[in-house]
């Protein structure tokens, strides 16, 4: 199978009409004199799945503004199989303003769950775990792996570094042995029911929010 980014990359912008806005009130004469605003959106309305702050903004302007607000954590995901959860993890990374999402392994990943948030989120690719680990060392970023493996620290007792990379494995197999060995710390999400594991995208969202609780303040 080809390793190139698949057709999912060209999907149209996800729309949520019930949360959108119509054309700018008052017509063209009332349009804001601000280069961040997109004339086409001002004229026709904005039904994109974006927060109110970014209504009518150009995509490039949104990315630039996010770059001023991104947090100190990165997210890395192993991609050895066609895991539908990767898109959802990217969406959560965007929601929590992660610095960058790192895809380890195959460049092709299913983007449907991302709801095109990858357009606003920096994504970087690494050929394998070794290449990713070299990048993390050069960036002086500790790698915090999330999995319920022996020796893992319960997430409630873990002190998140302000700058770090949260590393996740695939749905089913979890972290590869190489990824677990490359981590500076291993953390597990405490569970209280009968299941042995959480859905990968759910676990990633919990871990990101745990970091947020330690280091981020709502605006």
Protein backbone atom coordinates (compact mmCIF):
# COMPACT_ATOMS: atom_id res chain seq x y z
CA UNK A 1 0.00 0.00 0.00
CA UNK A 2 1.20 3.46 -0.83
CA UNK A 3 2.71 5.46 2.01
CA UNK A 4 1.57 8.81 0.65
CA UNK A 5 -1.07 10.98 2.25
CA UNK A 6 -4.42 9.70 1.03
CA UNK A 7 -7.43 11.40 -0.52
CA UNK A 8 -8.80 12.23 2.91
CA UNK A 9 -6.47 15.25 2.87
CA UNK A 10 -8.62 16.94 0.24
CA UNK A 11 -11.94 16.58 2.06
CA UNK A 12 -14.06 19.75 2.15
CA UNK A 13 -14.23 21.86 5.27
CA UNK A 14 -16.52 20.22 7.82
CA UNK A 15 -19.64 22.26 8.38
CA UNK A 16 -22.06 22.49 11.25
CA UNK A 17 -24.86 24.73 9.92
CA UNK A 18 -26.70 24.76 13.23
CA UNK A 19 -23.69 26.50 14.80
CA UNK A 20 -22.80 28.73 11.87
CA UNK A 21 -23.50 32.36 11.07
CA UNK A 22 -24.96 34.01 7.99
CA UNK A 23 -23.51 36.84 5.93
CA UNK A 24 -22.06 39.78 7.84
CA UNK A 25 -24.95 42.01 8.96
CA UNK A 26 -25.34 45.24 7.03
CA UNK A 27 -23.81 44.06 3.79
CA UNK A 28 -20.45 44.83 2.20
CA UNK A 29 -20.54 48.45 3.33
CA UNK A 30 -20.31 47.24 6.95
CA UNK A 31 -17.54 44.70 6.47
CA UNK A 32 -14.68 45.04 9.00
CA UNK A 33 -11.50 46.65 7.71
CA UNK A 34 -9.28 43.83 8.91
CA UNK A 35 -7.07 41.58 6.70
CA UNK A 36 -7.87 38.57 8.91
CA UNK A 37 -11.40 38.46 7.55
CA UNK A 38 -12.28 36.47 4.42
CA UNK A 39 -14.48 38.40 1.95
CA UNK A 40 -16.15 35.22 0.71
CA UNK A 41 -17.14 34.21 4.24
CA UNK A 42 -18.32 37.75 5.01
CA UNK A 43 -20.53 37.64 1.93
CA UNK A 44 -21.92 34.12 2.20
CA UNK A 45 -21.67 33.25 5.90
CA UNK A 46 -19.42 30.97 7.93
CA UNK A 47 -20.63 27.46 8.80
CA UNK A 48 -17.20 26.05 9.70
CA UNK A 49 -16.70 24.22 12.97
CA UNK A 50 -14.67 27.02 14.57
CA UNK A 51 -15.10 28.96 17.79
CA UNK A 52 -16.80 32.35 17.66
CA UNK A 53 -13.47 34.17 17.94
CA UNK A 54 -12.55 32.93 14.47
CA UNK A 55 -15.84 33.53 12.66
CA UNK A 56 -15.25 34.91 9.15
CA UNK A 57 -11.45 34.67 9.57
CA UNK A 58 -9.20 33.33 6.83
CA UNK A 59 -7.72 29.93 7.58
CA UNK A 60 -4.18 31.37 7.49
CA UNK A 61 -5.18 34.03 10.01
CA UNK A 62 -6.60 31.40 12.36
CA UNK A 63 -3.38 29.36 12.20
CA UNK A 64 -1.28 32.47 12.86
CA UNK A 65 -3.39 33.36 15.88
CA UNK A 66 -3.23 29.80 17.20
CA UNK A 67 0.56 29.92 16.87
CA UNK A 68 0.54 32.70 19.46
CA UNK A 69 -1.49 30.53 21.86
CA UNK A 70 -0.25 26.96 21.46
CA UNK A 71 0.70 25.12 24.62
CA UNK A 72 4.00 23.52 25.56
CA UNK A 73 2.99 19.93 24.88
CA UNK A 74 3.21 17.99 21.64
CA UNK A 75 1.31 14.84 20.69
CA UNK A 76 2.88 11.84 18.95
CA UNK A 77 1.01 8.87 17.50
CA UNK A 78 2.40 5.61 16.19
CA UNK A 79 0.88 4.81 12.80
CA UNK A 80 1.59 1.23 11.78
CA UNK A 81 -1.99 0.30 10.86
CA UNK A 82 -5.02 2.15 9.50
CA UNK A 83 -6.28 3.28 12.91
CA UNK A 84 -9.46 5.36 12.72
CA UNK A 85 -8.60 6.92 16.10
CA UNK A 86 -5.73 9.02 14.73
CA UNK A 87 -8.05 11.62 13.24
CA UNK A 88 -9.91 11.95 16.53
CA UNK A 89 -6.63 12.38 18.41
CA UNK A 90 -5.62 15.16 16.01
CA UNK A 91 -8.98 16.83 16.62
CA UNK A 92 -8.42 16.70 20.39
CA UNK A 93 -4.89 18.03 19.96
CA UNK A 94 -6.33 21.02 18.11
CA UNK A 95 -9.02 21.53 20.77
CA UNK A 96 -6.38 21.64 23.52
CA UNK A 97 -3.97 23.79 21.42
CA UNK A 98 -1.14 21.28 21.24
CA UNK A 99 2.03 22.64 19.68
CA UNK A 100 2.43 19.96 17.00
CA UNK A 101 1.10 16.50 16.19
CA UNK A 102 3.76 13.97 15.22
CA UNK A 103 2.86 10.95 13.09
CA UNK A 104 5.36 8.09 13.49
CA UNK A 105 5.48 5.53 10.70
CA UNK A 106 3.17 5.63 7.69
CA UNK A 107 2.41 9.07 6.33
CA UNK A 108 -1.05 7.95 5.24
CA UNK A 109 -3.67 8.20 7.99
CA UNK A 110 -7.44 8.39 8.08
CA UNK A 111 -8.34 12.07 8.41
CA UNK A 112 -12.11 11.74 8.69
CA UNK A 113 -12.13 11.84 12.48
CA UNK A 114 -10.03 15.02 12.43
CA UNK A 115 -12.97 16.99 10.97
CA UNK A 116 -10.35 19.01 9.00
CA UNK A 117 -8.76 20.33 12.19
CA UNK A 118 -5.45 19.17 10.69
CA UNK A 119 -5.68 22.30 8.51
CA UNK A 120 -5.21 24.39 11.65
CA UNK A 121 -2.83 22.04 13.46
CA UNK A 122 0.87 21.63 12.72
CA UNK A 123 1.60 18.02 11.73
CA UNK A 124 5.10 16.57 11.46
CA UNK A 125 6.09 13.12 10.17
CA UNK A 126 8.81 10.74 11.41
CA UNK A 127 9.86 7.61 9.56
CA UNK A 128 10.11 5.45 12.68
CA UNK A 129 10.45 5.55 16.46
CA UNK A 130 14.20 6.05 16.27
CA UNK A 131 13.80 9.15 14.09
CA UNK A 132 11.13 10.53 16.41
CA UNK A 133 13.30 9.88 19.48
CA UNK A 134 16.21 11.74 17.87
CA UNK A 135 13.97 14.70 17.15
CA UNK A 136 12.68 14.76 20.75
CA UNK A 137 16.22 14.68 22.16
CA UNK A 138 17.35 17.49 19.86
CA UNK A 139 14.30 19.53 20.91
CA UNK A 140 15.00 18.79 24.60
CA UNK A 141 11.47 17.45 25.02
CA UNK A 142 10.87 14.53 27.39
CA UNK A 143 8.70 11.78 25.89
CA UNK A 144 5.77 10.76 28.10
CA UNK A 145 4.25 7.50 26.87
CA UNK A 146 0.65 6.62 27.73
CA UNK A 147 -0.24 2.95 28.16
CA UNK A 148 -1.28 0.55 30.89
CA UNK A 149 2.03 -1.27 30.95
CA UNK A 150 3.87 -2.65 33.97
CA UNK A 151 5.71 0.06 35.85
CA UNK A 152 3.49 2.90 34.59
CA UNK A 153 2.76 5.79 36.96
CA UNK A 154 -0.95 6.48 37.62
CA UNK A 155 -1.92 9.68 35.84
CA UNK A 156 -3.24 11.21 39.09
CA UNK A 157 0.22 10.95 40.63
CA UNK A 158 2.23 12.14 37.62
CA UNK A 159 3.74 15.63 37.51
CA UNK A 160 3.50 16.76 33.89
CA UNK A 161 6.53 18.64 32.54
CA UNK A 162 5.55 22.01 31.10
CA UNK A 163 7.23 21.06 27.82
CA UNK A 164 6.91 17.46 26.69
CA UNK A 165 5.58 15.05 24.07
CA UNK A 166 2.63 12.79 24.85
CA UNK A 167 3.17 9.53 22.97
CA UNK A 168 0.30 7.20 22.07
CA UNK A 169 0.19 3.77 20.46
CA UNK A 170 -2.41 2.15 18.22
CA UNK A 171 -5.85 0.92 19.14
CA UNK A 172 -5.47 -2.74 20.15
CA UNK A 173 -1.72 -3.34 20.33
CA UNK A 174 -0.98 -0.09 22.17
CA UNK A 175 2.58 1.20 22.28
CA UNK A 176 5.21 -0.74 20.38
CA UNK A 177 8.13 -2.06 22.47
CA UNK A 178 10.41 0.42 20.69
CA UNK A 179 8.19 3.35 21.65
CA UNK A 180 7.92 2.26 25.28
CA UNK A 181 11.71 1.92 25.44
CA UNK A 182 12.21 5.41 23.97
CA UNK A 183 10.00 7.07 26.58
CA UNK A 184 11.35 9.08 29.49
CA UNK A 185 8.27 8.24 31.56
CA UNK A 186 5.36 5.83 31.29
CA UNK A 187 1.91 6.90 32.50
CA UNK A 188 -1.34 4.99 32.74
CA UNK A 189 -4.93 6.20 33.09
CA UNK A 190 -6.45 4.69 36.20
CA UNK A 191 -9.55 2.59 35.47
CA UNK A 192 -12.21 1.34 37.83
CA UNK A 193 -14.38 -0.95 35.72
CA UNK A 194 -13.97 -4.35 34.10
CA UNK A 195 -12.39 -3.39 30.76
CA UNK A 196 -8.64 -3.73 30.36
CA UNK A 197 -8.19 -0.62 28.25
CA UNK A 198 -9.74 2.61 27.03
CA UNK A 199 -10.39 3.58 23.43
CA UNK A 200 -7.19 5.17 22.11
CA UNK A 201 -8.74 8.52 21.22
CA UNK A 202 -10.54 8.71 24.58
CA UNK A 203 -7.31 7.97 26.43
CA UNK A 204 -5.48 10.64 24.44
CA UNK A 205 -8.11 13.26 25.24
CA UNK A 206 -7.95 12.41 28.96
CA UNK A 207 -4.15 12.68 28.97
CA UNK A 208 -4.14 16.01 27.14
CA UNK A 209 -6.69 17.45 29.53
CA UNK A 210 -4.64 16.22 32.47
CA UNK A 211 -1.72 18.28 31.13
CA UNK A 212 -4.10 21.25 30.68
CA UNK A 213 -5.17 21.05 34.32
CA UNK A 214 -1.52 21.34 35.36
CA UNK A 215 -0.33 24.11 33.07
CA UNK A 216 -3.11 26.02 31.31
CA UNK A 217 -5.42 28.77 32.50
CA UNK A 218 -8.75 29.47 30.77
CA UNK A 219 -8.87 32.86 29.09
